Amino acid sequence: MPGPRRRPVVIPPGGGRRVGNVEFLALSEHTPHFNLSIITMAAGRSGPELHEHEDEDDAFLVLDDEMTFLLGDEELTAAAGTFVLVPPGFEHTFANRTDHPVRMLNIHAPAGFDLRIMS
């Protein structure tokens, strides 16, 4: 028997739930399958320390200019439109080395990242 019917989720521009420079659009309460957010990195700022996610894919789509990723021992300059998929257990971080803010779409699958960052 199917579970309760869920309703579509519509978030207007700027209407997501914000935690620092992360605007969450798809939350764990919306779907257990993934979290979706927009990360806005200020000029010259770095993301989190080099880290890995044990059970999550962590995906990024660079929306503006470029972002620098550290993927294990490899450094990658990712221009706008570049998609980066980091599998579970792979160390990674990122930095904005430009002189203006850069935005990235970020997807964590399965969901749960929002619950950790908002607690």
Protein backbone atom coordinates (compact mmCIF):
# COMPACT_ATOMS: atom_id res chain seq x y z
CA MET A 1 0.00 0.00 0.00
CA PRO A 2 1.48 3.41 -0.93
CA GLY A 3 2.35 5.90 1.81
CA PRO A 4 0.71 9.29 2.27
CA ARG A 5 0.67 11.44 -0.81
CA ARG A 6 3.20 14.26 -0.65
CA ARG A 7 2.66 17.70 -2.10
CA PRO A 8 5.03 19.50 -4.47
CA VAL A 9 7.49 21.86 -2.80
CA VAL A 10 7.94 25.30 -4.36
CA ILE A 11 10.56 27.68 -2.97
CA PRO A 12 10.56 31.23 -4.40
CA PRO A 13 13.89 32.96 -5.13
CA GLY A 14 15.61 33.74 -1.84
CA GLY A 15 12.98 31.76 0.09
CA GLY A 16 15.10 28.83 1.22
CA ARG A 17 16.24 28.14 4.76
CA ARG A 18 19.59 29.87 5.34
CA VAL A 19 22.50 28.70 7.45
CA GLY A 20 25.41 31.09 6.97
CA ASN A 21 26.29 31.15 3.27
CA VAL A 22 24.13 28.09 2.44
CA GLU A 23 20.51 28.43 1.30
CA PHE A 24 18.74 25.06 1.59
CA LEU A 25 15.99 24.51 -0.99
CA ALA A 26 15.22 20.77 -0.66
CA LEU A 27 15.21 19.66 2.95
CA SER A 28 15.08 16.21 4.54
CA GLU A 29 11.51 16.99 5.58
CA HIS A 30 10.66 17.38 1.87
CA THR A 31 12.33 14.15 0.65
CA PRO A 32 14.57 11.45 2.11
CA HIS A 33 16.46 11.13 -1.17
CA PHE A 34 18.55 14.32 -1.32
CA ASN A 35 19.25 17.84 -0.02
CA LEU A 36 19.68 20.69 -2.48
CA SER A 37 21.22 24.04 -1.61
CA ILE A 38 22.92 27.06 -3.10
CA ILE A 39 26.29 27.91 -1.59
CA THR A 40 27.47 31.51 -2.01
CA MET A 41 31.20 31.85 -1.39
CA ALA A 42 32.55 35.33 -0.74
CA ALA A 43 35.67 36.44 -2.61
CA GLY A 44 38.82 34.83 -1.27
CA ARG A 45 36.95 32.50 1.13
CA SER A 46 37.50 28.81 1.65
CA GLY A 47 34.92 26.14 2.34
CA PRO A 48 35.14 23.57 5.12
CA GLU A 49 38.34 21.79 6.09
CA LEU A 50 39.27 18.82 3.90
CA HIS A 51 36.58 16.24 4.75
CA GLU A 52 34.66 13.23 3.49
CA HIS A 53 31.11 12.00 3.80
CA GLU A 54 30.88 8.35 4.82
CA ASP A 55 27.53 7.53 3.20
CA GLU A 56 26.67 10.48 0.92
CA ASP A 57 27.37 11.61 -2.59
CA ASP A 58 28.26 15.32 -2.57
CA ALA A 59 27.63 17.03 -5.92
CA PHE A 60 28.38 20.57 -7.06
CA LEU A 61 27.45 22.64 -10.10
CA VAL A 62 29.42 25.89 -10.38
CA LEU A 63 26.98 28.64 -11.37
CA ASP A 64 29.26 31.70 -11.60
CA ASP A 65 32.86 32.34 -12.65
CA GLU A 66 34.96 29.55 -11.12
CA MET A 67 35.60 27.62 -7.94
CA THR A 68 38.74 25.75 -6.91
CA PHE A 69 38.22 22.21 -5.61
CA LEU A 70 40.68 20.04 -3.73
CA LEU A 71 39.74 16.43 -4.52
CA GLY A 72 42.08 14.16 -2.58
CA ASP A 73 45.53 15.29 -3.73
CA GLU A 74 44.24 16.87 -6.95
CA GLU A 75 43.43 20.57 -7.32
CA LEU A 76 40.85 21.49 -9.95
CA THR A 77 39.76 24.92 -11.17
CA ALA A 78 36.12 24.48 -12.15
CA ALA A 79 34.60 27.11 -14.46
CA ALA A 80 30.89 28.00 -14.47
CA GLY A 81 28.90 25.05 -15.77
CA THR A 82 31.31 22.45 -14.36
CA PHE A 83 29.73 19.55 -12.47
CA VAL A 84 31.74 17.81 -9.73
CA LEU A 85 30.51 14.59 -8.09
CA VAL A 86 32.37 13.48 -4.96
CA PRO A 87 31.57 9.87 -3.96
CA PRO A 88 31.30 8.70 -0.36
CA GLY A 89 34.63 8.35 1.42
CA PHE A 90 36.55 10.75 -0.86
CA GLU A 91 38.25 13.77 0.78
CA HIS A 92 37.34 17.15 -0.67
CA THR A 93 36.92 20.86 -0.07
CA PHE A 94 36.63 24.02 -2.15
CA ALA A 95 37.63 27.70 -2.21
CA ASN A 96 36.71 30.87 -4.06
CA ARG A 97 39.98 32.37 -5.29
CA THR A 98 38.26 35.05 -7.38
CA ASP A 99 37.70 38.67 -6.34
CA HIS A 100 33.87 38.42 -6.25
CA PRO A 101 31.20 36.06 -4.83
CA VAL A 102 30.68 32.71 -6.57
CA ARG A 103 27.56 30.53 -6.31
CA MET A 104 27.33 26.75 -6.55
CA LEU A 105 24.43 24.36 -6.52
CA ASN A 106 25.11 21.59 -3.98
CA ILE A 107 23.33 18.23 -3.70
CA HIS A 108 23.83 15.70 -0.90
CA ALA A 109 22.28 12.27 -1.45
CA PRO A 110 20.68 10.77 0.48
CA ALA A 111 19.16 13.59 2.55
CA GLY A 112 20.36 14.36 6.06
CA PHE A 113 23.07 16.98 5.51
CA ASP A 114 20.62 19.77 6.37
CA LEU A 115 19.81 18.12 9.69
CA ARG A 116 23.51 18.02 10.65
CA ILE A 117 24.29 21.59 9.61
CA MET A 118 21.15 23.09 11.17
CA SER A 119 21.50 21.38 14.55
